[in-house]
């Protein structure tokens, strides 16, 4: 299944065909907990649960007994919710088993059974119903100081590329009573009112309600001046929608203002090297003359004149 939508040019640059194995994952809080007012068990995976019958089994653990639970599947945007016939009660314990879809099951037949990196065909999650409903009166988002760094980002020509960028990290601060449900909740970052969907590569899959940072409730913004389609340099208003995956609770953090600027471009013209103090260039020493020279040397002319005069007198005397 293609996990990214791309144009023809992008498809030629990188192939994003991928088959997801295993039973996907449930959205649960600390200790596998779910709020008492949740509609059901929120789930995400590569193939919709409706792709085949019998993919989900739910049992309620009652002491040593496991009581089968009737359920239906309801879609909540990109997330599906396994809704039990009866509402949750505080303290109940369930086991939810999800088997992989028919496409994955068919592809698995051609794999080496000993392959260690392939998930098992089904996933069982133990879920405990919390003592009370979700408490989510408000949340805030904080932005770290902007930094200049090299990061790996999605690129239309080569799937991904390393770029120098101005970045800023975001973190959602939850009220104390909701912190235990941080990993149960889903998050959506908005910059100037538009949804921010960054990725380290065109083929990188990010679960609904999560971001490319991999840490729940965090995100990272960036500005790359060489990419005109990226976030523009300047001031931006940032807010995060925080919600339960079944959309029973939805709030939005107050917006914060953040400014990101491009990194200063290096000067391509190298500056001349400055010699250290005391290393000024010295005049070259005179070169010693070798052989004879008659040029304009006055001393040599005087000696030659005296010698000629003395020779002339000797000839007269003779």
C-alpha atoms as a PDB file:
ATOM      1  CA  UNK A   1       0.000   0.000   0.000  1.00  0.00           C
ATOM      2  CA  UNK A   2       1.255   3.450  -0.817  1.00  0.00           C
ATOM      3  CA  UNK A   3       1.526   5.440   2.402  1.00  0.00           C
ATOM      4  CA  UNK A   4       2.260   8.767   0.743  1.00  0.00           C
ATOM      5  CA  UNK A   5       0.554  10.713  -2.010  1.00  0.00           C
ATOM      6  CA  UNK A   6       2.951  12.093  -4.589  1.00  0.00           C
ATOM      7  CA  UNK A   7       3.208  13.322  -8.136  1.00  0.00           C
ATOM      8  CA  UNK A   8       4.656  11.427 -11.084  1.00  0.00           C
ATOM      9  CA  UNK A   9       8.058  13.089 -10.719  1.00  0.00           C
ATOM     10  CA  UNK A  10       8.247  12.193  -7.039  1.00  0.00           C
ATOM     11  CA  UNK A  11       7.204   8.610  -7.688  1.00  0.00           C
ATOM     12  CA  UNK A  12      10.123   8.203 -10.084  1.00  0.00           C
ATOM     13  CA  UNK A  13      12.534   9.513  -7.461  1.00  0.00           C
ATOM     14  CA  UNK A  14      11.538   7.116  -4.693  1.00  0.00           C
ATOM     15  CA  UNK A  15       9.171   4.194  -4.291  1.00  0.00           C
ATOM     16  CA  UNK A  16       6.904   4.261  -1.247  1.00  0.00           C
ATOM     17  CA  UNK A  17       5.268   0.885  -1.656  1.00  0.00           C
ATOM     18  CA  UNK A  18       5.166  -0.833   1.713  1.00  0.00           C
ATOM     19  CA  UNK A  19       3.287  -3.707   3.257  1.00  0.00           C
ATOM     20  CA  UNK A  20       2.480  -3.300   6.931  1.00  0.00           C
ATOM     21  CA  UNK A  21       2.479  -6.516   8.935  1.00  0.00           C
ATOM     22  CA  UNK A  22       1.011  -7.131  12.364  1.00  0.00           C
ATOM     23  CA  UNK A  23      -2.121  -6.009  14.168  1.00  0.00           C
ATOM     24  CA  UNK A  24      -1.476  -2.279  14.357  1.00  0.00           C
ATOM     25  CA  UNK A  25      -1.680  -0.475  17.688  1.00  0.00           C
ATOM     26  CA  UNK A  26      -4.178   0.870  20.204  1.00  0.00           C
ATOM     27  CA  UNK A  27      -4.096   4.367  21.686  1.00  0.00           C
ATOM     28  CA  UNK A  28      -3.687   3.878  25.442  1.00  0.00           C
ATOM     29  CA  UNK A  29      -2.322   5.936  28.316  1.00  0.00           C
ATOM     30  CA  UNK A  30       0.088   5.014  31.084  1.00  0.00           C
ATOM     31  CA  UNK A  31      -0.213   1.377  32.109  1.00  0.00           C
ATOM     32  CA  UNK A  32      -2.519   0.611  29.180  1.00  0.00           C
ATOM     33  CA  UNK A  33      -5.285   2.834  30.561  1.00  0.00           C
ATOM     34  CA  UNK A  34      -8.260   4.352  28.757  1.00  0.00           C
ATOM     35  CA  UNK A  35     -10.621   7.024  30.232  1.00  0.00           C
ATOM     36  CA  UNK A  36     -13.904   5.775  31.629  1.00  0.00           C
ATOM     37  CA  UNK A  37     -15.866   8.006  29.234  1.00  0.00           C
ATOM     38  CA  UNK A  38     -14.065   6.790  26.109  1.00  0.00           C
ATOM     39  CA  UNK A  39     -16.304   5.582  23.299  1.00  0.00           C
ATOM     40  CA  UNK A  40     -14.157   2.500  22.746  1.00  0.00           C
ATOM     41  CA  UNK A  41     -10.662   1.296  21.896  1.00  0.00           C
ATOM     42  CA  UNK A  42      -9.019   3.641  19.374  1.00  0.00           C
ATOM     43  CA  UNK A  43      -6.835   1.827  16.823  1.00  0.00           C
ATOM     44  CA  UNK A  44      -4.571   2.586  13.873  1.00  0.00           C
ATOM     45  CA  UNK A  45      -2.944   0.290  11.318  1.00  0.00           C
ATOM     46  CA  UNK A  46      -2.065  -0.184   7.652  1.00  0.00           C
ATOM     47  CA  UNK A  47      -5.293  -1.890   6.561  1.00  0.00           C
ATOM     48  CA  UNK A  48      -8.723  -0.787   7.725  1.00  0.00           C
ATOM     49  CA  UNK A  49     -10.414  -3.134  10.178  1.00  0.00           C
ATOM     50  CA  UNK A  50     -13.350  -3.345   7.780  1.00  0.00           C
ATOM     51  CA  UNK A  51     -11.105  -4.990   5.151  1.00  0.00           C
ATOM     52  CA  UNK A  52     -12.035  -8.442   6.485  1.00  0.00           C
ATOM     53  CA  UNK A  53     -14.376  -9.979   9.063  1.00  0.00           C
ATOM     54  CA  UNK A  54     -13.110 -11.535  12.258  1.00  0.00           C
ATOM     55  CA  UNK A  55     -10.012  -9.356  12.580  1.00  0.00           C
ATOM     56  CA  UNK A  56     -10.895  -8.141  16.086  1.00  0.00           C
ATOM     57  CA  UNK A  57     -11.609 -10.099  19.256  1.00  0.00           C
ATOM     58  CA  UNK A  58     -12.507  -8.388  22.554  1.00  0.00           C
ATOM     59  CA  UNK A  59     -12.837 -10.172  25.898  1.00  0.00           C
ATOM     60  CA  UNK A  60     -13.443  -8.790  29.379  1.00  0.00           C
ATOM     61  CA  UNK A  61     -11.193 -10.297  32.010  1.00  0.00           C
ATOM     62  CA  UNK A  62     -13.378 -11.188  35.003  1.00  0.00           C
ATOM     63  CA  UNK A  63     -11.111 -12.893  37.496  1.00  0.00           C
ATOM     64  CA  UNK A  64     -10.053 -16.120  35.831  1.00  0.00           C
ATOM     65  CA  UNK A  65     -12.837 -15.907  33.259  1.00  0.00           C
ATOM     66  CA  UNK A  66     -12.662 -14.166  29.882  1.00  0.00           C
ATOM     67  CA  UNK A  67     -16.052 -12.998  28.724  1.00  0.00           C
ATOM     68  CA  UNK A  68     -16.460 -12.296  24.964  1.00  0.00           C
ATOM     69  CA  UNK A  69     -17.595  -8.734  24.222  1.00  0.00           C
ATOM     70  CA  UNK A  70     -19.701  -7.767  21.223  1.00  0.00           C
ATOM     71  CA  UNK A  71     -18.455  -4.712  19.377  1.00  0.00           C
ATOM     72  CA  UNK A  72     -18.715  -2.604  16.257  1.00  0.00           C
ATOM     73  CA  UNK A  73     -16.146  -0.619  14.255  1.00  0.00           C
ATOM     74  CA  UNK A  74     -16.593   3.146  13.873  1.00  0.00           C
ATOM     75  CA  UNK A  75     -14.317   5.394  11.802  1.00  0.00           C
ATOM     76  CA  UNK A  76     -13.186   8.677  13.358  1.00  0.00           C
ATOM     77  CA  UNK A  77     -11.202  10.234  10.545  1.00  0.00           C
ATOM     78  CA  UNK A  78      -7.894   8.365  10.144  1.00  0.00           C
ATOM     79  CA  UNK A  79      -8.488   6.487  13.427  1.00  0.00           C
ATOM     80  CA  UNK A  80     -10.906   3.569  13.885  1.00  0.00           C
ATOM     81  CA  UNK A  81     -12.643   2.886  17.175  1.00  0.00           C
ATOM     82  CA  UNK A  82     -13.617  -0.585  18.409  1.00  0.00           C
ATOM     83  CA  UNK A  83     -16.853   0.203  20.257  1.00  0.00           C
ATOM     84  CA  UNK A  84     -18.111  -2.398  22.785  1.00  0.00           C
ATOM     85  CA  UNK A  85     -21.858  -2.997  23.084  1.00  0.00           C
ATOM     86  CA  UNK A  86     -21.895  -1.759  26.708  1.00  0.00           C
ATOM     87  CA  UNK A  87     -20.248   1.391  28.056  1.00  0.00           C
ATOM     88  CA  UNK A  88     -17.073   1.143  30.066  1.00  0.00           C
ATOM     89  CA  UNK A  89     -17.049   0.923  33.843  1.00  0.00           C
ATOM     90  CA  UNK A  90     -14.110   2.070  36.006  1.00  0.00           C
ATOM     91  CA  UNK A  91     -11.694  -0.719  36.824  1.00  0.00           C
ATOM     92  CA  UNK A  92     -12.724  -3.089  34.036  1.00  0.00           C
ATOM     93  CA  UNK A  93      -9.945  -4.991  32.263  1.00  0.00           C
ATOM     94  CA  UNK A  94     -10.122  -6.027  28.606  1.00  0.00           C
ATOM     95  CA  UNK A  95      -7.951  -7.911  26.176  1.00  0.00           C
ATOM     96  CA  UNK A  96      -8.171  -6.605  22.618  1.00  0.00           C
ATOM     97  CA  UNK A  97      -6.703  -8.779  19.860  1.00  0.00           C
ATOM     98  CA  UNK A  98      -6.292  -7.454  16.322  1.00  0.00           C
ATOM     99  CA  UNK A  99      -5.095  -9.591  13.396  1.00  0.00           C
ATOM    100  CA  UNK A 100      -3.346  -8.202  10.326  1.00  0.00           C
ATOM    101  CA  UNK A 101      -5.304  -7.508   7.147  1.00  0.00           C
ATOM    102  CA  UNK A 102      -5.731  -9.825   4.154  1.00  0.00           C
ATOM    103  CA  UNK A 103      -3.054  -8.121   2.034  1.00  0.00           C
ATOM    104  CA  UNK A 104      -0.439  -8.577   4.738  1.00  0.00           C
ATOM    105  CA  UNK A 105      -1.535 -12.171   5.347  1.00  0.00           C
ATOM    106  CA  UNK A 106      -1.179 -12.977   1.649  1.00  0.00           C
ATOM    107  CA  UNK A 107       2.247 -11.337   1.396  1.00  0.00           C
ATOM    108  CA  UNK A 108       3.427 -13.146   4.516  1.00  0.00           C
ATOM    109  CA  UNK A 109       3.148 -16.475   2.685  1.00  0.00           C
ATOM    110  CA  UNK A 110       6.122 -15.566   0.515  1.00  0.00           C
ATOM    111  CA  UNK A 111       8.330 -14.514   3.425  1.00  0.00           C
ATOM    112  CA  UNK A 112      10.911 -16.528   5.271  1.00  0.00           C
ATOM    113  CA  UNK A 113       9.148 -17.803   8.431  1.00  0.00           C
ATOM    114  CA  UNK A 114      12.346 -17.206  10.399  1.00  0.00           C
ATOM    115  CA  UNK A 115      12.546 -13.510   9.494  1.00  0.00           C
ATOM    116  CA  UNK A 116      13.100 -11.704  12.800  1.00  0.00           C
ATOM    117  CA  UNK A 117      12.120  -8.210  11.670  1.00  0.00           C
ATOM    118  CA  UNK A 118       8.550  -9.105  10.657  1.00  0.00           C
ATOM    119  CA  UNK A 119       5.907  -8.524  13.389  1.00  0.00           C
ATOM    120  CA  UNK A 120       3.643 -11.363  14.446  1.00  0.00           C
ATOM    121  CA  UNK A 121       0.343 -11.593  12.543  1.00  0.00           C
ATOM    122  CA  UNK A 122      -1.718 -10.472  15.554  1.00  0.00           C
ATOM    123  CA  UNK A 123      -1.363  -8.119  18.502  1.00  0.00           C
ATOM    124  CA  UNK A 124      -3.064  -8.448  21.901  1.00  0.00           C
ATOM    125  CA  UNK A 125      -3.274  -5.411  24.189  1.00  0.00           C
ATOM    126  CA  UNK A 126      -4.447  -5.427  27.801  1.00  0.00           C
ATOM    127  CA  UNK A 127      -6.515  -2.331  28.547  1.00  0.00           C
ATOM    128  CA  UNK A 128      -7.627  -1.074  31.972  1.00  0.00           C
ATOM    129  CA  UNK A 129     -10.480   1.404  32.291  1.00  0.00           C
ATOM    130  CA  UNK A 130      -9.436   4.404  34.414  1.00  0.00           C
ATOM    131  CA  UNK A 131     -11.256   5.438  37.576  1.00  0.00           C
ATOM    132  CA  UNK A 132     -12.795   8.492  35.959  1.00  0.00           C
ATOM    133  CA  UNK A 133     -13.397  10.403  32.722  1.00  0.00           C
ATOM    134  CA  UNK A 134     -10.699  12.280  30.845  1.00  0.00           C
ATOM    135  CA  UNK A 135      -9.817  15.578  32.547  1.00  0.00           C
ATOM    136  CA  UNK A 136      -8.654  17.987  29.840  1.00  0.00           C
ATOM    137  CA  UNK A 137      -9.644  21.525  30.823  1.00  0.00           C
ATOM    138  CA  UNK A 138      -6.811  23.207  28.922  1.00  0.00           C
ATOM    139  CA  UNK A 139      -3.313  22.715  27.597  1.00  0.00           C
ATOM    140  CA  UNK A 140      -0.511  24.998  26.433  1.00  0.00           C
ATOM    141  CA  UNK A 141       2.294  24.740  23.899  1.00  0.00           C
ATOM    142  CA  UNK A 142       5.826  25.946  24.546  1.00  0.00           C
ATOM    143  CA  UNK A 143       8.442  26.706  21.891  1.00  0.00           C
ATOM    144  CA  UNK A 144      12.159  26.253  22.412  1.00  0.00           C
ATOM    145  CA  UNK A 145      14.720  28.838  21.346  1.00  0.00           C
ATOM    146  CA  UNK A 146      15.382  28.796  17.572  1.00  0.00           C
ATOM    147  CA  UNK A 147      18.528  26.957  16.519  1.00  0.00           C
ATOM    148  CA  UNK A 148      20.569  26.501  13.363  1.00  0.00           C
ATOM    149  CA  UNK A 149      21.198  22.834  12.527  1.00  0.00           C
ATOM    150  CA  UNK A 150      21.304  20.250   9.756  1.00  0.00           C
ATOM    151  CA  UNK A 151      18.198  18.054   9.551  1.00  0.00           C
ATOM    152  CA  UNK A 152      16.837  15.311   7.303  1.00  0.00           C
ATOM    153  CA  UNK A 153      13.617  16.380   5.573  1.00  0.00           C
ATOM    154  CA  UNK A 154      11.342  15.114   2.818  1.00  0.00           C
ATOM    155  CA  UNK A 155      12.452  16.225  -0.640  1.00  0.00           C
ATOM    156  CA  UNK A 156      10.475  15.838  -3.899  1.00  0.00           C
ATOM    157  CA  UNK A 157      13.530  15.018  -5.996  1.00  0.00           C
ATOM    158  CA  UNK A 158      15.253  12.444  -3.806  1.00  0.00           C
ATOM    159  CA  UNK A 159      12.758  11.276  -1.159  1.00  0.00           C
ATOM    160  CA  UNK A 160      14.794  12.955   1.577  1.00  0.00           C
ATOM    161  CA  UNK A 161      17.698  15.348   1.886  1.00  0.00           C
ATOM    162  CA  UNK A 162      19.922  16.835   4.561  1.00  0.00           C
ATOM    163  CA  UNK A 163      19.539  20.613   4.750  1.00  0.00           C
ATOM    164  CA  UNK A 164      20.773  23.450   6.922  1.00  0.00           C
ATOM    165  CA  UNK A 165      17.738  24.961   8.596  1.00  0.00           C
ATOM    166  CA  UNK A 166      16.492  27.230  11.336  1.00  0.00           C
ATOM    167  CA  UNK A 167      14.485  25.017  13.712  1.00  0.00           C
ATOM    168  CA  UNK A 168      12.348  25.300  16.827  1.00  0.00           C
ATOM    169  CA  UNK A 169      10.969  22.489  18.990  1.00  0.00           C
ATOM    170  CA  UNK A 170       7.420  22.447  20.342  1.00  0.00           C
ATOM    171  CA  UNK A 171       5.997  20.641  23.354  1.00  0.00           C
ATOM    172  CA  UNK A 172       2.431  20.406  24.616  1.00  0.00           C
ATOM    173  CA  UNK A 173       2.154  20.967  28.360  1.00  0.00           C
ATOM    174  CA  UNK A 174      -0.832  19.050  29.751  1.00  0.00           C
ATOM    175  CA  UNK A 175      -2.556  19.682  33.075  1.00  0.00           C
ATOM    176  CA  UNK A 176      -1.315  17.363  35.813  1.00  0.00           C
ATOM    177  CA  UNK A 177      -4.561  15.396  35.865  1.00  0.00           C
ATOM    178  CA  UNK A 178      -4.219  14.583  32.146  1.00  0.00           C
ATOM    179  CA  UNK A 179      -0.496  13.768  31.976  1.00  0.00           C
ATOM    180  CA  UNK A 180      -1.100  10.034  32.436  1.00  0.00           C
ATOM    181  CA  UNK A 181      -3.143  10.103  29.207  1.00  0.00           C
ATOM    182  CA  UNK A 182      -0.441  11.818  27.098  1.00  0.00           C
ATOM    183  CA  UNK A 183       0.047   8.800  24.823  1.00  0.00           C
ATOM    184  CA  UNK A 184      -3.691   8.175  24.586  1.00  0.00           C
ATOM    185  CA  UNK A 185      -4.357  11.645  23.192  1.00  0.00           C
ATOM    186  CA  UNK A 186      -3.784  12.761  19.590  1.00  0.00           C
ATOM    187  CA  UNK A 187      -2.177  16.033  18.509  1.00  0.00           C
ATOM    188  CA  UNK A 188      -2.287  18.272  15.441  1.00  0.00           C
ATOM    189  CA  UNK A 189       0.088  21.212  14.993  1.00  0.00           C
ATOM    190  CA  UNK A 190      -1.157  24.282  13.123  1.00  0.00           C
ATOM    191  CA  UNK A 191       1.053  27.085  11.852  1.00  0.00           C
ATOM    192  CA  UNK A 192      -0.780  30.261  10.859  1.00  0.00           C
ATOM    193  CA  UNK A 193      -3.988  28.202  10.760  1.00  0.00           C
ATOM    194  CA  UNK A 194      -2.632  25.508   8.415  1.00  0.00           C
ATOM    195  CA  UNK A 195      -1.867  21.929   9.486  1.00  0.00           C
ATOM    196  CA  UNK A 196       1.879  21.295   9.827  1.00  0.00           C
ATOM    197  CA  UNK A 197       2.858  17.865   8.451  1.00  0.00           C
ATOM    198  CA  UNK A 198       6.633  17.578   8.382  1.00  0.00           C
ATOM    199  CA  UNK A 199       8.474  14.365   7.595  1.00  0.00           C
ATOM    200  CA  UNK A 200      12.052  13.116   7.367  1.00  0.00           C
ATOM    201  CA  UNK A 201      11.233  11.455   4.024  1.00  0.00           C
ATOM    202  CA  UNK A 202       8.398  11.071   1.540  1.00  0.00           C
ATOM    203  CA  UNK A 203       8.063   7.389   2.460  1.00  0.00           C
ATOM    204  CA  UNK A 204       8.212   7.856   6.234  1.00  0.00           C
ATOM    205  CA  UNK A 205       4.925   6.826   7.856  1.00  0.00           C
ATOM    206  CA  UNK A 206       3.604   8.823  10.824  1.00  0.00           C
ATOM    207  CA  UNK A 207       0.640   7.481  12.795  1.00  0.00           C
ATOM    208  CA  UNK A 208      -2.450   9.710  13.054  1.00  0.00           C
ATOM    209  CA  UNK A 209      -2.142  12.189  15.914  1.00  0.00           C
ATOM    210  CA  UNK A 210       1.643  11.838  16.009  1.00  0.00           C
ATOM    211  CA  UNK A 211       4.502  13.856  14.495  1.00  0.00           C
ATOM    212  CA  UNK A 212       7.806  13.200  12.784  1.00  0.00           C
ATOM    213  CA  UNK A 213       9.726  13.736  16.052  1.00  0.00           C
ATOM    214  CA  UNK A 214       8.558  10.363  17.373  1.00  0.00           C
ATOM    215  CA  UNK A 215       7.918  11.767  20.870  1.00  0.00           C
ATOM    216  CA  UNK A 216       4.219  12.089  21.732  1.00  0.00           C
ATOM    217  CA  UNK A 217       3.043  15.682  22.209  1.00  0.00           C
ATOM    218  CA  UNK A 218       6.089  17.270  20.543  1.00  0.00           C
ATOM    219  CA  UNK A 219       6.881  18.675  17.114  1.00  0.00           C
ATOM    220  CA  UNK A 220       9.606  20.566  15.266  1.00  0.00           C
ATOM    221  CA  UNK A 221       9.221  23.517  12.903  1.00  0.00           C
ATOM    222  CA  UNK A 222      11.900  24.496  10.411  1.00  0.00           C
ATOM    223  CA  UNK A 223      12.738  27.116   7.792  1.00  0.00           C
ATOM    224  CA  UNK A 224      14.880  26.275   4.758  1.00  0.00           C
ATOM    225  CA  UNK A 225      15.470  29.335   2.600  1.00  0.00           C
ATOM    226  CA  UNK A 226      16.553  27.251  -0.415  1.00  0.00           C
ATOM    227  CA  UNK A 227      13.117  25.556  -0.518  1.00  0.00           C
ATOM    228  CA  UNK A 228      10.452  28.097  -1.526  1.00  0.00           C
ATOM    229  CA  UNK A 229       7.657  25.604  -0.784  1.00  0.00           C
ATOM    230  CA  UNK A 230       8.755  25.266   2.868  1.00  0.00           C
ATOM    231  CA  UNK A 231       7.765  27.482   5.787  1.00  0.00           C
ATOM    232  CA  UNK A 232       8.698  31.108   5.080  1.00  0.00           C
ATOM    233  CA  UNK A 233      11.126  32.988   7.327  1.00  0.00           C
ATOM    234  CA  UNK A 234       9.533  35.427   9.755  1.00  0.00           C
ATOM    235  CA  UNK A 235       6.961  35.419  12.551  1.00  0.00           C
ATOM    236  CA  UNK A 236       4.375  32.640  12.820  1.00  0.00           C
ATOM    237  CA  UNK A 237       1.483  31.813  15.127  1.00  0.00           C
ATOM    238  CA  UNK A 238       1.576  28.244  16.373  1.00  0.00           C
ATOM    239  CA  UNK A 239      -1.147  26.258  18.145  1.00  0.00           C
ATOM    240  CA  UNK A 240      -1.842  22.574  18.757  1.00  0.00           C
ATOM    241  CA  UNK A 241      -5.173  20.767  18.778  1.00  0.00           C
ATOM    242  CA  UNK A 242      -5.288  18.153  21.535  1.00  0.00           C
ATOM    243  CA  UNK A 243      -8.068  15.556  21.419  1.00  0.00           C
ATOM    244  CA  UNK A 244      -9.101  12.116  22.510  1.00  0.00           C
ATOM    245  CA  UNK A 245      -8.865   9.806  19.476  1.00  0.00           C
ATOM    246  CA  UNK A 246     -12.642   9.251  19.523  1.00  0.00           C
ATOM    247  CA  UNK A 247     -13.134  13.073  19.382  1.00  0.00           C
ATOM    248  CA  UNK A 248     -15.165  13.086  22.620  1.00  0.00           C
ATOM    249  CA  UNK A 249     -12.777  15.752  23.965  1.00  0.00           C
ATOM    250  CA  UNK A 250     -11.206  18.408  21.711  1.00  0.00           C
ATOM    251  CA  UNK A 251      -9.338  21.521  22.828  1.00  0.00           C
ATOM    252  CA  UNK A 252      -6.843  23.900  21.199  1.00  0.00           C
ATOM    253  CA  UNK A 253      -3.879  25.471  22.962  1.00  0.00           C
ATOM    254  CA  UNK A 254      -3.547  29.264  23.030  1.00  0.00           C
ATOM    255  CA  UNK A 255      -1.427  30.399  20.079  1.00  0.00           C
ATOM    256  CA  UNK A 256       2.200  31.372  20.636  1.00  0.00           C
ATOM    257  CA  UNK A 257       4.264  33.584  18.332  1.00  0.00           C
ATOM    258  CA  UNK A 258       7.535  32.252  17.007  1.00  0.00           C
ATOM    259  CA  UNK A 259      10.081  33.843  14.690  1.00  0.00           C
ATOM    260  CA  UNK A 260      12.427  31.814  12.494  1.00  0.00           C
ATOM    261  CA  UNK A 261      15.154  33.357  10.339  1.00  0.00           C
ATOM    262  CA  UNK A 262      17.407  31.893   7.687  1.00  0.00           C
ATOM    263  CA  UNK A 263      20.964  31.025   8.545  1.00  0.00           C
ATOM    264  CA  UNK A 264      23.478  33.606   7.341  1.00  0.00           C
ATOM    265  CA  UNK A 265      24.989  32.523   4.026  1.00  0.00           C
ATOM    266  CA  UNK A 266      28.791  32.107   4.147  1.00  0.00           C
ATOM    267  CA  UNK A 267      30.874  34.658   2.177  1.00  0.00           C
ATOM    268  CA  UNK A 268      32.296  32.799  -0.860  1.00  0.00           C
ATOM    269  CA  UNK A 269      35.250  35.277  -1.159  1.00  0.00           C
ATOM    270  CA  UNK A 270      38.103  34.191   1.111  1.00  0.00           C
ATOM    271  CA  UNK A 271      39.755  36.982   3.089  1.00  0.00           C
ATOM    272  CA  UNK A 272      43.549  37.423   2.715  1.00  0.00           C
ATOM    273  CA  UNK A 273      45.507  35.853   5.506  1.00  0.00           C
ATOM    274  CA  UNK A 274      46.806  38.340   8.087  1.00  0.00           C
ATOM    275  CA  UNK A 275      50.431  37.687   9.111  1.00  0.00           C
ATOM    276  CA  UNK A 276      50.994  37.395  12.843  1.00  0.00           C
ATOM    277  CA  UNK A 277      52.673  40.306  14.698  1.00  0.00           C
ATOM    278  CA  UNK A 278      56.417  40.442  14.214  1.00  0.00           C
ATOM    279  CA  UNK A 279      56.366  38.517  10.968  1.00  0.00           C
ATOM    280  CA  UNK A 280      56.583  41.453   8.523  1.00  0.00           C
ATOM    281  CA  UNK A 281      58.398  40.556   5.305  1.00  0.00           C
ATOM    282  CA  UNK A 282      62.147  41.412   5.343  1.00  0.00           C
ATOM    283  CA  UNK A 283      64.272  42.842   2.508  1.00  0.00           C
ATOM    284  CA  UNK A 284      66.228  40.038   0.831  1.00  0.00           C
ATOM    285  CA  UNK A 285      69.986  40.074   1.583  1.00  0.00           C
ATOM    286  CA  UNK A 286      72.307  41.268  -1.193  1.00  0.00           C
ATOM    287  CA  UNK A 287      73.503  38.595  -3.561  1.00  0.00           C
ATOM    288  CA  UNK A 288      77.291  38.117  -3.628  1.00  0.00           C
ATOM    289  CA  UNK A 289      78.811  38.829  -7.032  1.00  0.00           C
ATOM    290  CA  UNK A 290      80.716  36.052  -8.688  1.00  0.00           C
ATOM    291  CA  UNK A 291      83.408  36.316 -11.410  1.00  0.00           C
ATOM    292  CA  UNK A 292      84.732  39.581 -12.915  1.00  0.00           C
ATOM    293  CA  UNK A 293      82.829  42.742 -13.497  1.00  0.00           C
ATOM    294  CA  UNK A 294      84.009  45.944 -15.281  1.00  0.00           C
ATOM    295  CA  UNK A 295      80.757  47.909 -15.492  1.00  0.00           C
ATOM    296  CA  UNK A 296      80.863  51.201 -13.590  1.00  0.00           C
ATOM    297  CA  UNK A 297      82.987  50.042 -10.648  1.00  0.00           C
ATOM    298  CA  UNK A 298      85.099  53.221  -9.893  1.00  0.00           C
ATOM    299  CA  UNK A 299      87.725  51.368  -7.845  1.00  0.00           C
ATOM    300  CA  UNK A 300      88.485  48.965 -10.686  1.00  0.00           C
ATOM    301  CA  UNK A 301      88.813  51.882 -13.219  1.00  0.00           C
ATOM    302  CA  UNK A 302      91.356  53.717 -10.970  1.00  0.00           C
ATOM    303  CA  UNK A 303      93.589  50.643 -10.636  1.00  0.00           C
ATOM    304  CA  UNK A 304      93.464  50.038 -14.388  1.00  0.00           C
ATOM    305  CA  UNK A 305      94.478  53.663 -15.102  1.00  0.00           C
ATOM    306  CA  UNK A 306      97.505  53.547 -12.769  1.00  0.00           C
ATOM    307  CA  UNK A 307      98.691  50.311 -14.381  1.00  0.00           C
ATOM    308  CA  UNK A 308      98.584  51.820 -17.915  1.00  0.00           C
ATOM    309  CA  UNK A 309     100.470  54.932 -16.832  1.00  0.00           C
ATOM    310  CA  UNK A 310     103.260  52.873 -15.214  1.00  0.00           C
ATOM    311  CA  UNK A 311     103.630  50.701 -18.348  1.00  0.00           C
ATOM    312  CA  UNK A 312     103.911  53.808 -20.615  1.00  0.00           C
ATOM    313  CA  UNK A 313     106.764  55.312 -18.490  1.00  0.00           C
ATOM    314  CA  UNK A 314     108.732  52.061 -18.688  1.00  0.00           C
ATOM    315  CA  UNK A 315     108.534  52.134 -22.472  1.00  0.00           C
ATOM    316  CA  UNK A 316     109.871  55.730 -22.586  1.00  0.00           C
ATOM    317  CA  UNK A 317     112.767  54.899 -20.295  1.00  0.00           C
ATOM    318  CA  UNK A 318     113.720  51.996 -22.473  1.00  0.00           C
END
